[in-house]
C-alpha atoms as a PDB file:
ATOM      1  CA  MET A   1     113.712  49.668  86.069  1.00  0.00           C
ATOM      2  CA  HIS A   2     113.619  49.619  90.233  1.00  0.00           C
ATOM      3  CA  LEU A   3     115.423  46.053  90.547  1.00  0.00           C
ATOM      4  CA  GLY A   4     118.124  46.749  87.987  1.00  0.00           C
ATOM      5  CA  PHE A   5     117.013  44.423  85.194  1.00  0.00           C
ATOM      6  CA  PHE A   6     117.510  46.780  81.985  1.00  0.00           C
ATOM      7  CA  ASP A   7     120.725  47.376  83.756  1.00  0.00           C
ATOM      8  CA  TYR A   8     121.416  43.456  83.991  1.00  0.00           C
ATOM      9  CA  VAL A   9     120.661  43.084  80.335  1.00  0.00           C
ATOM     10  CA  GLY A  10     123.164  46.030  78.855  1.00  0.00           C
ATOM     11  CA  MET A  11     120.001  48.603  78.051  1.00  0.00           C
ATOM     12  CA  GLU A  12     122.214  51.592  80.004  1.00  0.00           C
ATOM     13  CA  ASN A  13     120.429  54.556  80.748  1.00  0.00           C
ATOM     14  CA  ILE A  14     117.254  52.825  82.254  1.00  0.00           C
ATOM     15  CA  GLY A  15     116.244  52.302  85.692  1.00  0.00           C
ATOM     16  CA  LYS A  16     118.182  51.806  88.411  1.00  0.00           C
ATOM     17  CA  LYS A  17     121.535  50.687  88.368  1.00  0.00           C
ATOM     18  CA  LEU A  18     122.569  46.990  89.592  1.00  0.00           C
ATOM     19  CA  GLY A  19     123.311  47.121  93.709  1.00  0.00           C
ATOM     20  CA  GLN A  20     121.517  51.133  93.632  1.00  0.00           C
ATOM     21  CA  THR A  21     118.689  50.245  95.459  1.00  0.00           C
ATOM     22  CA  LYS A  22     119.133  47.569  98.678  1.00  0.00           C
ATOM     23  CA  GLY A  23     115.447  46.369  99.580  1.00  0.00           C
ATOM     24  CA  ASN A  24     114.628  45.194 102.507  1.00  0.00           C
ATOM     25  CA  THR A  25     112.511  41.943 103.862  1.00  0.00           C
ATOM     26  CA  LYS A  26     109.862  41.840 100.683  1.00  0.00           C
ATOM     27  CA  TYR A  27     112.307  42.585  98.056  1.00  0.00           C
ATOM     28  CA  LEU A  28     115.593  41.866  97.065  1.00  0.00           C
ATOM     29  CA  PRO A  29     116.522  43.994  93.640  1.00  0.00           C
ATOM     30  CA  ILE A  30     119.198  42.212  91.044  1.00  0.00           C
ATOM     31  CA  ARG A  31     122.852  41.371  92.513  1.00  0.00           C
ATOM     32  CA  LYS A  32     125.720  40.905  92.037  1.00  0.00           C
ATOM     33  CA  ILE A  33     127.759  38.880  94.449  1.00  0.00           C
ATOM     34  CA  THR A  34     130.973  38.382  93.859  1.00  0.00           C
ATOM     35  CA  LEU A  35     133.660  36.300  95.771  1.00  0.00           C
ATOM     36  CA  LYS A  36     135.606  38.713  96.324  1.00  0.00           C
ATOM     37  CA  GLU A  37     132.882  40.859  97.922  1.00  0.00           C
ATOM     38  CA  LEU A  38     132.479  38.335 100.543  1.00  0.00           C
ATOM     39  CA  ASN A  39     136.064  37.857 101.085  1.00  0.00           C
ATOM     40  CA  ASP A  40     136.214  41.524 102.192  1.00  0.00           C
ATOM     41  CA  SER A  41     133.609  41.721 104.120  1.00  0.00           C
ATOM     42  CA  ILE A  42     134.348  39.338 106.720  1.00  0.00           C
ATOM     43  CA  LYS A  43     138.444  40.912 106.050  1.00  0.00           C
ATOM     44  CA  ASP A  44     138.670  42.365 110.147  1.00  0.00           C
ATOM     45  CA  THR A  45     136.373  39.658 111.758  1.00  0.00           C
ATOM     46  CA  ASP A  46     136.430  36.047 112.691  1.00  0.00           C
ATOM     47  CA  GLU A  47     133.740  35.003 110.337  1.00  0.00           C
ATOM     48  CA  SER A  48     134.328  32.803 107.916  1.00  0.00           C
ATOM     49  CA  LEU A  49     133.506  32.804 104.185  1.00  0.00           C
ATOM     50  CA  MET A  50     130.533  30.226 104.833  1.00  0.00           C
ATOM     51  CA  ASP A  51     129.532  32.823 107.247  1.00  0.00           C
ATOM     52  CA  ALA A  52     128.972  35.387 104.649  1.00  0.00           C
ATOM     53  CA  ILE A  53     127.090  33.139 102.220  1.00  0.00           C
ATOM     54  CA  ASN A  54     124.901  32.383 105.250  1.00  0.00           C
ATOM     55  CA  PHE A  55     124.349  36.071 105.084  1.00  0.00           C
ATOM     56  CA  ILE A  56     122.963  36.327 101.985  1.00  0.00           C
ATOM     57  CA  SER A  57     121.146  32.832 101.863  1.00  0.00           C
ATOM     58  CA  GLY A  58     119.334  34.451 104.736  1.00  0.00           C
ATOM     59  CA  THR A  59     117.821  37.276 102.979  1.00  0.00           C
ATOM     60  CA  LEU A  60     116.918  35.525  99.821  1.00  0.00           C
ATOM     61  CA  ALA A  61     115.277  33.360 102.616  1.00  0.00           C
ATOM     62  CA  THR A  62     113.557  36.593 104.410  1.00  0.00           C
ATOM     63  CA  VAL A  63     112.106  37.322 101.043  1.00  0.00           C
ATOM     64  CA  LEU A  64     110.667  33.680 100.028  1.00  0.00           C
ATOM     65  CA  SER A  65     109.550  32.400 103.305  1.00  0.00           C
ATOM     66  CA  GLY A  66     107.762  36.028 104.778  1.00  0.00           C
ATOM     67  CA  GLU A  67     109.815  35.117 107.953  1.00  0.00           C
ATOM     68  CA  GLU A  68     113.228  36.874 109.727  1.00  0.00           C
ATOM     69  CA  ARG A  69     113.133  33.977 111.682  1.00  0.00           C
ATOM     70  CA  GLY A  70     111.545  30.249 112.146  1.00  0.00           C
ATOM     71  CA  GLU A  71     112.017  27.051 111.072  1.00  0.00           C
ATOM     72  CA  ILE A  72     111.132  27.865 107.475  1.00  0.00           C
ATOM     73  CA  LYS A  73     113.241  30.505 106.992  1.00  0.00           C
ATOM     74  CA  LYS A  74     116.140  27.939 108.039  1.00  0.00           C
ATOM     75  CA  THR A  75     115.496  25.064 105.621  1.00  0.00           C
ATOM     76  CA  PHE A  76     114.921  27.689 103.025  1.00  0.00           C
ATOM     77  CA  SER A  77     117.904  29.350 104.070  1.00  0.00           C
ATOM     78  CA  TYR A  78     120.307  25.806 104.085  1.00  0.00           C
ATOM     79  CA  SER A  79     119.024  25.446 100.583  1.00  0.00           C
ATOM     80  CA  ILE A  80     119.759  28.927  99.015  1.00  0.00           C
ATOM     81  CA  ARG A  81     122.644  28.662 100.341  1.00  0.00           C
ATOM     82  CA  GLU A  82     124.303  25.511  99.271  1.00  0.00           C
ATOM     83  CA  ILE A  83     122.972  26.922  95.399  1.00  0.00           C
ATOM     84  CA  ILE A  84     125.507  30.073  96.153  1.00  0.00           C
ATOM     85  CA  ARG A  85     128.429  27.886  97.530  1.00  0.00           C
ATOM     86  CA  ASN A  86     128.358  25.086  94.743  1.00  0.00           C
ATOM     87  CA  THR A  87     128.028  28.275  92.220  1.00  0.00           C
ATOM     88  CA  LEU A  88     130.949  30.072  94.086  1.00  0.00           C
ATOM     89  CA  GLU A  89     133.109  27.281  94.470  1.00  0.00           C
ATOM     90  CA  HIS A  90     132.184  24.407  91.327  1.00  0.00           C
ATOM     91  CA  SER A  91     130.650  26.427  88.545  1.00  0.00           C
ATOM     92  CA  ASP A  92     134.355  27.924  87.220  1.00  0.00           C
ATOM     93  CA  SER A  93     132.944  31.822  88.154  1.00  0.00           C
ATOM     94  CA  ASP A  94     133.439  33.784  91.032  1.00  0.00           C
ATOM     95  CA  TYR A  95     130.374  35.869  90.680  1.00  0.00           C
ATOM     96  CA  CYS A  96     126.605  34.893  91.088  1.00  0.00           C
ATOM     97  CA  PHE A  97     123.393  37.081  90.475  1.00  0.00           C
ATOM     98  CA  ILE A  98     120.531  36.705  93.096  1.00  0.00           C
ATOM     99  CA  CYS A  99     116.584  38.708  93.378  1.00  0.00           C
ATOM    100  CA  ALA A 100     113.649  38.048  95.038  1.00  0.00           C
ATOM    101  CA  GLN A 101     110.619  39.827  95.641  1.00  0.00           C
ATOM    102  CA  LYS A 102     107.220  38.560  98.167  1.00  0.00           C
ATOM    103  CA  TRP A 103     103.816  39.882  97.178  1.00  0.00           C
ATOM    104  CA  ALA A 104     100.680  41.250  99.054  1.00  0.00           C
ATOM    105  CA  ASN A 105      99.161  38.318  97.961  1.00  0.00           C
ATOM    106  CA  GLY A 106     101.350  35.799  99.817  1.00  0.00           C
ATOM    107  CA  GLN A 107     103.140  34.415  96.704  1.00  0.00           C
ATOM    108  CA  SER A 108     107.351  34.590  96.713  1.00  0.00           C
ATOM    109  CA  GLU A 109     109.817  34.183  94.145  1.00  0.00           C
ATOM    110  CA  ILE A 110     113.452  34.025  94.192  1.00  0.00           C
ATOM    111  CA  ALA A 111     116.129  33.529  91.145  1.00  0.00           C
ATOM    112  CA  ILE A 112     119.840  32.734  91.443  1.00  0.00           C
ATOM    113  CA  ILE A 113     121.904  32.477  88.349  1.00  0.00           C
ATOM    114  CA  ASP A 114     125.362  32.368  87.536  1.00  0.00           C
ATOM    115  CA  GLU A 115     127.746  32.471  83.841  1.00  0.00           C
ATOM    116  CA  GLY A 116     130.065  29.286  84.789  1.00  0.00           C
ATOM    117  CA  CYS A 117     130.748  26.391  83.236  1.00  0.00           C
ATOM    118  CA  GLY A 118     127.152  24.400  83.707  1.00  0.00           C
ATOM    119  CA  ILE A 119     125.685  21.745  85.970  1.00  0.00           C
ATOM    120  CA  HIS A 120     126.828  18.919  83.387  1.00  0.00           C
ATOM    121  CA  LYS A 121     130.329  19.803  83.416  1.00  0.00           C
ATOM    122  CA  SER A 122     130.676  19.970  87.297  1.00  0.00           C
ATOM    123  CA  LEU A 123     128.804  17.001  87.935  1.00  0.00           C
ATOM    124  CA  SER A 124     130.270  15.060  85.920  1.00  0.00           C
ATOM    125  CA  ILE A 125     133.738  15.176  88.125  1.00  0.00           C
ATOM    126  CA  ALA A 126     131.290  12.410  89.741  1.00  0.00           C
ATOM    127  CA  TYR A 127     128.837  11.403  88.300  1.00  0.00           C
ATOM    128  CA  ASP A 128     128.684   9.645  84.459  1.00  0.00           C
ATOM    129  CA  VAL A 129     125.861  10.653  83.780  1.00  0.00           C
ATOM    130  CA  ALA A 130     124.636  12.781  80.041  1.00  0.00           C
ATOM    131  CA  GLU A 131     124.411  15.840  79.346  1.00  0.00           C
ATOM    132  CA  ASP A 132     120.283  15.830  78.283  1.00  0.00           C
ATOM    133  CA  GLU A 133     119.472  13.692  81.829  1.00  0.00           C
ATOM    134  CA  VAL A 134     121.695  15.863  84.278  1.00  0.00           C
ATOM    135  CA  LEU A 135     118.902  18.237  85.516  1.00  0.00           C
ATOM    136  CA  HIS A 136     116.677  15.291  86.295  1.00  0.00           C
ATOM    137  CA  TYR A 137     119.829  13.649  88.376  1.00  0.00           C
ATOM    138  CA  ALA A 138     120.706  17.150  89.701  1.00  0.00           C
ATOM    139  CA  ILE A 139     117.945  17.143  91.595  1.00  0.00           C
ATOM    140  CA  LYS A 140     117.642  14.107  93.035  1.00  0.00           C
ATOM    141  CA  PRO A 141     118.835  13.770  96.642  1.00  0.00           C
ATOM    142  CA  GLY A 142     121.960  13.164  97.056  1.00  0.00           C
ATOM    143  CA  VAL A 143     123.598  14.002  94.462  1.00  0.00           C
ATOM    144  CA  THR A 144     126.647  16.321  94.896  1.00  0.00           C
ATOM    145  CA  ARG A 145     130.598  16.188  93.835  1.00  0.00           C
ATOM    146  CA  ALA A 146     131.396  16.317  96.858  1.00  0.00           C
ATOM    147  CA  ASP A 147     130.219  12.855  97.282  1.00  0.00           C
ATOM    148  CA  LYS A 148     133.595  11.510  95.710  1.00  0.00           C
ATOM    149  CA  LEU A 149     135.466  13.842  98.669  1.00  0.00           C
ATOM    150  CA  THR A 150     136.659  12.645 101.481  1.00  0.00           C
ATOM    151  CA  GLU A 151     135.361  13.516 104.613  1.00  0.00           C
ATOM    152  CA  LYS A 152     138.586  15.312 105.353  1.00  0.00           C
ATOM    153  CA  GLU A 153     137.921  17.444 102.034  1.00  0.00           C
ATOM    154  CA  ASN A 154     134.169  17.809 102.465  1.00  0.00           C
ATOM    155  CA  ILE A 155     134.460  20.747 104.957  1.00  0.00           C
ATOM    156  CA  HIS A 156     130.929  21.590 104.641  1.00  0.00           C
ATOM    157  CA  ASN A 157     129.076  18.924 105.149  1.00  0.00           C
ATOM    158  CA  ASN A 158     127.634  18.527 101.703  1.00  0.00           C
ATOM    159  CA  SER A 159     124.853  15.874 101.383  1.00  0.00           C
ATOM    160  CA  GLY A 160     123.917  17.050  98.434  1.00  0.00           C
ATOM    161  CA  PHE A 161     120.251  17.047  99.558  1.00  0.00           C
ATOM    162  CA  GLY A 162     119.934  21.475  99.092  1.00  0.00           C
ATOM    163  CA  LEU A 163     118.730  21.381  96.031  1.00  0.00           C
ATOM    164  CA  TYR A 164     116.825  18.421  96.017  1.00  0.00           C
ATOM    165  CA  VAL A 165     114.715  20.245  99.233  1.00  0.00           C
ATOM    166  CA  LEU A 166     114.334  23.206  97.460  1.00  0.00           C
ATOM    167  CA  SER A 167     112.916  21.253  94.403  1.00  0.00           C
ATOM    168  CA  GLU A 168     110.485  19.200  96.200  1.00  0.00           C
ATOM    169  CA  LEU A 169     109.124  21.912  98.480  1.00  0.00           C
ATOM    170  CA  GLY A 170     108.862  24.527  95.255  1.00  0.00           C
ATOM    171  CA  SER A 171     107.139  21.401  93.070  1.00  0.00           C
ATOM    172  CA  SER A 172     104.731  20.719  95.904  1.00  0.00           C
ATOM    173  CA  PHE A 173     103.762  24.500  96.918  1.00  0.00           C
ATOM    174  CA  GLY A 174     104.073  26.373  93.516  1.00  0.00           C
ATOM    175  CA  TRP A 175     107.321  25.683  90.814  1.00  0.00           C
ATOM    176  CA  PHE A 176     110.323  25.048  90.876  1.00  0.00           C
ATOM    177  CA  CYS A 177     113.111  25.489  87.858  1.00  0.00           C
ATOM    178  CA  VAL A 178     116.609  25.107  87.209  1.00  0.00           C
ATOM    179  CA  GLY A 179     117.716  25.155  83.781  1.00  0.00           C
ATOM    180  CA  SER A 180     121.285  25.089  82.434  1.00  0.00           C
ATOM    181  CA  GLY A 181     123.598  23.894  78.671  1.00  0.00           C
ATOM    182  CA  LYS A 182     121.018  23.134  76.307  1.00  0.00           C
ATOM    183  CA  LYS A 183     117.797  22.269  78.652  1.00  0.00           C
ATOM    184  CA  MET A 184     115.671  23.889  81.102  1.00  0.00           C
ATOM    185  CA  LEU A 185     114.089  21.537  83.936  1.00  0.00           C
ATOM    186  CA  ASN A 186     110.418  22.841  85.076  1.00  0.00           C
ATOM    187  CA  CYS A 187     108.409  20.844  88.523  1.00  0.00           C
ATOM    188  CA  GLU A 188     104.762  21.704  89.355  1.00  0.00           C
ATOM    189  CA  LYS A 189     102.593  19.813  91.517  1.00  0.00           C
ATOM    190  CA  GLN A 190     104.253  16.775  91.380  1.00  0.00           C
ATOM    191  CA  LYS A 191     105.220  17.085  87.618  1.00  0.00           C
ATOM    192  CA  THR A 192     108.428  17.461  85.629  1.00  0.00           C
ATOM    193  CA  LYS A 193     108.409  19.371  82.275  1.00  0.00           C
ATOM    194  CA  VAL A 194     111.816  19.282  80.279  1.00  0.00           C
ATOM    195  CA  SER A 195     111.980  22.862  77.506  1.00  0.00           C
ATOM    196  CA  ASP A 196     114.971  23.327  75.112  1.00  0.00           C
ATOM    197  CA  LEU A 197     116.850  26.802  75.927  1.00  0.00           C
ATOM    198  CA  PHE A 198     120.374  26.709  75.913  1.00  0.00           C
ATOM    199  CA  PHE A 199     122.141  29.163  78.775  1.00  0.00           C
ATOM    200  CA  SER A 200     126.137  28.109  79.215  1.00  0.00           C
ATOM    201  CA  GLY A 201     125.521  28.843  82.936  1.00  0.00           C
ATOM    202  CA  THR A 202     122.704  27.675  85.619  1.00  0.00           C
ATOM    203  CA  PHE A 203     119.280  29.174  86.681  1.00  0.00           C
ATOM    204  CA  VAL A 204     117.345  27.708  89.687  1.00  0.00           C
ATOM    205  CA  GLY A 205     114.098  29.954  89.830  1.00  0.00           C
ATOM    206  CA  VAL A 206     111.663  29.207  93.622  1.00  0.00           C
ATOM    207  CA  HIS A 207     107.885  30.633  93.433  1.00  0.00           C
ATOM    208  CA  LEU A 208     105.703  29.915  96.016  1.00  0.00           C
ATOM    209  CA  ASN A 209     102.166  30.120  96.440  1.00  0.00           C
ATOM    210  CA  SER A 210     101.245  29.156  99.871  1.00  0.00           C
ATOM    211  CA  HIS A 211     103.527  27.330 102.544  1.00  0.00           C
ATOM    212  CA  PRO A 212     102.573  23.953 104.334  1.00  0.00           C
ATOM    213  CA  LYS A 213     100.540  24.194 107.253  1.00  0.00           C
ATOM    214  CA  SER A 214     102.926  21.728 109.402  1.00  0.00           C
ATOM    215  CA  PHE A 215     105.751  22.334 107.915  1.00  0.00           C
ATOM    216  CA  ARG A 216     108.229  20.619 109.999  1.00  0.00           C
ATOM    217  CA  GLY A 217     105.993  17.044 109.028  1.00  0.00           C
ATOM    218  CA  VAL A 218     106.180  17.704 105.479  1.00  0.00           C
ATOM    219  CA  LEU A 219     110.512  18.302 105.891  1.00  0.00           C
ATOM    220  CA  GLN A 220     111.030  15.612 107.792  1.00  0.00           C
ATOM    221  CA  ASP A 221     108.549  13.099 104.757  1.00  0.00           C
ATOM    222  CA  ILE A 222     110.546  14.793 102.047  1.00  0.00           C
ATOM    223  CA  VAL A 223     114.386  13.690 103.798  1.00  0.00           C
ATOM    224  CA  GLN A 224     113.405  10.965 104.958  1.00  0.00           C
ATOM    225  CA  ILE A 225     111.729   9.635 101.268  1.00  0.00           C
ATOM    226  CA  GLY A 226     115.044  11.422 100.206  1.00  0.00           C
ATOM    227  CA  GLU A 227     117.574   9.653 102.172  1.00  0.00           C
ATOM    228  CA  GLU A 228     115.759   5.779 101.126  1.00  0.00           C
ATOM    229  CA  GLU A 229     115.965   6.885  97.021  1.00  0.00           C
ATOM    230  CA  SER A 230     119.673   8.273  96.745  1.00  0.00           C
ATOM    231  CA  ALA A 231     120.413   4.782  99.957  1.00  0.00           C
ATOM    232  CA  LYS A 232     118.512   2.571  97.221  1.00  0.00           C
ATOM    233  CA  GLU A 233     120.259   4.034  93.990  1.00  0.00           C
ATOM    234  CA  GLY A 234     123.877   3.915  95.956  1.00  0.00           C
ATOM    235  CA  ARG A 235     124.396   7.345  96.678  1.00  0.00           C
ATOM    236  CA  THR A 236     124.714   9.388 100.174  1.00  0.00           C
ATOM    237  CA  SER A 237     122.245   8.019 101.960  1.00  0.00           C
ATOM    238  CA  THR A 238     121.802  10.642 105.262  1.00  0.00           C
ATOM    239  CA  ALA A 239     121.018  13.975 104.363  1.00  0.00           C
ATOM    240  CA  SER A 240     122.816  16.432 107.120  1.00  0.00           C
ATOM    241  CA  GLU A 241     121.778  17.801 109.878  1.00  0.00           C
ATOM    242  CA  LEU A 242     121.199  20.982 108.351  1.00  0.00           C
ATOM    243  CA  SER A 243     119.402  20.296 105.998  1.00  0.00           C
ATOM    244  CA  LYS A 244     116.524  18.082 107.888  1.00  0.00           C
ATOM    245  CA  THR A 245     116.700  20.313 111.599  1.00  0.00           C
ATOM    246  CA  ILE A 246     115.036  22.776 111.767  1.00  0.00           C
END
């Protein structure tokens, strides 16, 4: 009720409305993020739309990482930023929903959801991949529709490593899930499971039970393995500096 869940699913007069509760570093209630809202927030400043998206991703990363600043937050913030940016730029939808929660036992969880065209339609611009296989493909390193853009067109240096890094961290230290179209993919303990679940948009969820003691070392290993796999399969072979620098 406090997070605005019942309002989100269309049950009126039960609990808080979306956006009514602001949240803090421990939780973020369900919130609708629109392009108009982001553009309005920077209208009278020198900031760019990417700056506004960075701020939103930073608030989610704070709850997920448990840090208001630091190396873990930076990495999560980058990956989350890529998801939100892709949603607003490529899903044929100008809004998405976010929420996050951190519990007293140290576990944390975030969710990002849109009601757009889905991953398959978005990636089919750049890749010939079957709809039943697209979720497995989407979390591979170097997979991005920007892969077919020129350097001038790819102004945000999207290397396709954001979702990959987030899925690897979630799978190793909790769980990660992504759903779109006719399937949902769960990654936990380095194993994947596919379920049937129709949803025309896209959702991403990450739940962390703990954090690695040597986060820098873990991230470097993930990126190195990802770059090798991406190069071997003929995709973008180098992660952007933002995805591997903490």
